[in-house]
Protein backbone atom coordinates (compact mmCIF):
# COMPACT_ATOMS: atom_id res chain seq x y z
CA UNK A 1 180.24 -84.25 -48.05
CA UNK A 2 180.06 -87.66 -46.22
CA UNK A 3 182.46 -90.57 -46.28
CA UNK A 4 180.18 -94.01 -46.75
CA UNK A 5 182.38 -97.26 -46.07
CA UNK A 6 181.70 -100.12 -48.09
CA UNK A 7 182.72 -104.02 -47.24
CA UNK A 8 182.66 -106.18 -49.50
CA UNK A 9 182.59 -109.86 -47.60
CA UNK A 10 181.20 -112.85 -48.66
CA UNK A 11 181.47 -114.78 -52.20
CA UNK A 12 184.32 -112.73 -53.81
CA UNK A 13 186.94 -114.98 -55.81
CA UNK A 14 189.52 -112.94 -57.61
CA UNK A 15 186.99 -110.54 -59.03
CA UNK A 16 186.73 -107.27 -60.37
CA UNK A 17 184.62 -104.65 -58.51
CA UNK A 18 183.69 -101.18 -59.77
CA UNK A 19 181.54 -98.50 -57.31
CA UNK A 20 179.56 -95.83 -58.76
CA UNK A 21 178.14 -92.64 -57.01
CA UNK A 22 175.16 -91.28 -58.73
CA UNK A 23 176.17 -93.30 -61.90
CA UNK A 24 180.08 -91.63 -61.69
CA UNK A 25 182.62 -93.86 -60.65
CA UNK A 26 184.60 -93.49 -57.30
CA UNK A 27 186.20 -96.78 -57.41
CA UNK A 28 187.94 -99.41 -59.18
CA UNK A 29 189.22 -102.54 -57.69
CA UNK A 30 190.81 -105.98 -58.94
CA UNK A 31 191.53 -109.22 -58.00
CA UNK A 32 189.19 -109.10 -54.85
CA UNK A 33 188.65 -112.67 -52.78
CA UNK A 34 187.17 -113.35 -49.68
CA UNK A 35 189.17 -114.42 -46.61
CA UNK A 36 187.55 -117.23 -45.56
CA UNK A 37 189.27 -116.50 -41.54
CA UNK A 38 187.77 -113.08 -41.97
CA UNK A 39 184.41 -113.29 -43.96
CA UNK A 40 185.69 -110.26 -45.50
CA UNK A 41 187.60 -109.99 -49.15
CA UNK A 42 188.42 -105.99 -49.07
CA UNK A 43 186.89 -102.00 -47.12
CA UNK A 44 186.76 -98.93 -49.64
CA UNK A 45 185.58 -95.10 -48.63
CA UNK A 46 183.58 -93.14 -51.54
CA UNK A 47 182.31 -89.46 -50.51
CA UNK A 48 178.70 -89.26 -50.83
CA UNK A 49 177.03 -85.62 -51.25
CA UNK A 50 175.16 -83.90 -49.00
CA UNK A 51 171.67 -84.64 -50.30
CA UNK A 52 171.17 -88.67 -50.94
CA UNK A 53 173.26 -90.69 -53.40
CA UNK A 54 172.49 -93.99 -55.17
CA UNK A 55 175.30 -95.84 -54.61
CA UNK A 56 176.29 -98.64 -57.32
CA UNK A 57 178.29 -101.72 -57.10
CA UNK A 58 179.07 -103.64 -60.36
CA UNK A 59 181.10 -107.18 -60.57
CA UNK A 60 182.36 -107.48 -63.80
CA UNK A 61 184.36 -110.28 -63.91
CA UNK A 62 181.08 -112.27 -63.52
CA UNK A 63 178.61 -109.46 -65.14
CA UNK A 64 176.11 -108.87 -61.36
CA UNK A 65 175.59 -105.28 -61.24
CA UNK A 66 173.41 -103.81 -58.09
CA UNK A 67 172.03 -100.04 -56.62
CA UNK A 68 171.29 -98.86 -53.44
CA UNK A 69 169.20 -95.47 -52.88
CA UNK A 70 170.94 -94.25 -50.00
CA UNK A 71 168.59 -91.83 -47.80
CA UNK A 72 169.62 -90.19 -44.87
CA UNK A 73 173.28 -90.59 -43.58
CA UNK A 74 174.11 -94.04 -43.77
CA UNK A 75 177.42 -94.92 -42.48
CA UNK A 76 178.28 -98.28 -44.60
CA UNK A 77 177.27 -100.29 -47.33
CA UNK A 78 178.40 -104.85 -47.04
CA UNK A 79 178.28 -106.28 -50.23
CA UNK A 80 178.09 -109.90 -50.78
CA UNK A 81 177.32 -112.20 -53.70
CA UNK A 82 174.89 -115.04 -52.50
CA UNK A 83 173.78 -117.42 -54.51
CA UNK A 84 174.73 -115.94 -58.06
CA UNK A 85 172.86 -112.58 -57.05
CA UNK A 86 175.00 -109.11 -55.92
CA UNK A 87 173.36 -108.16 -52.94
CA UNK A 88 173.87 -104.41 -51.02
CA UNK A 89 172.31 -103.89 -47.12
CA UNK A 90 172.74 -100.52 -45.16
CA UNK A 91 175.03 -101.46 -42.39
CA UNK A 92 174.75 -99.89 -38.92
CA UNK A 93 178.48 -98.65 -38.98
CA UNK A 94 179.61 -100.64 -36.69
CA UNK A 95 180.45 -103.86 -38.44
CA UNK A 96 184.36 -104.82 -36.97
CA UNK A 97 186.40 -107.01 -38.92
CA UNK A 98 189.09 -108.50 -36.80
């Protein structure tokens, strides 16, 4: 098993967020809001199976969802709400916030 850091960045405003790994709920957070000074809302860590995974993120308070198939050994996944869409991008694992 390996850990994946999920960084919830821009666009969140008192939102309910659920993260799934291969269709199974891994994390559920409520009232997530982006802190404007940091440009970040929250960080969560999920366990990934050894052989690839599909990570899903749902923002139920806005009826948004997206999935990303991960290959190899990703270190982080960056999640933002941009122009009414949920955007998932693989990160480098070196993202840092104050």
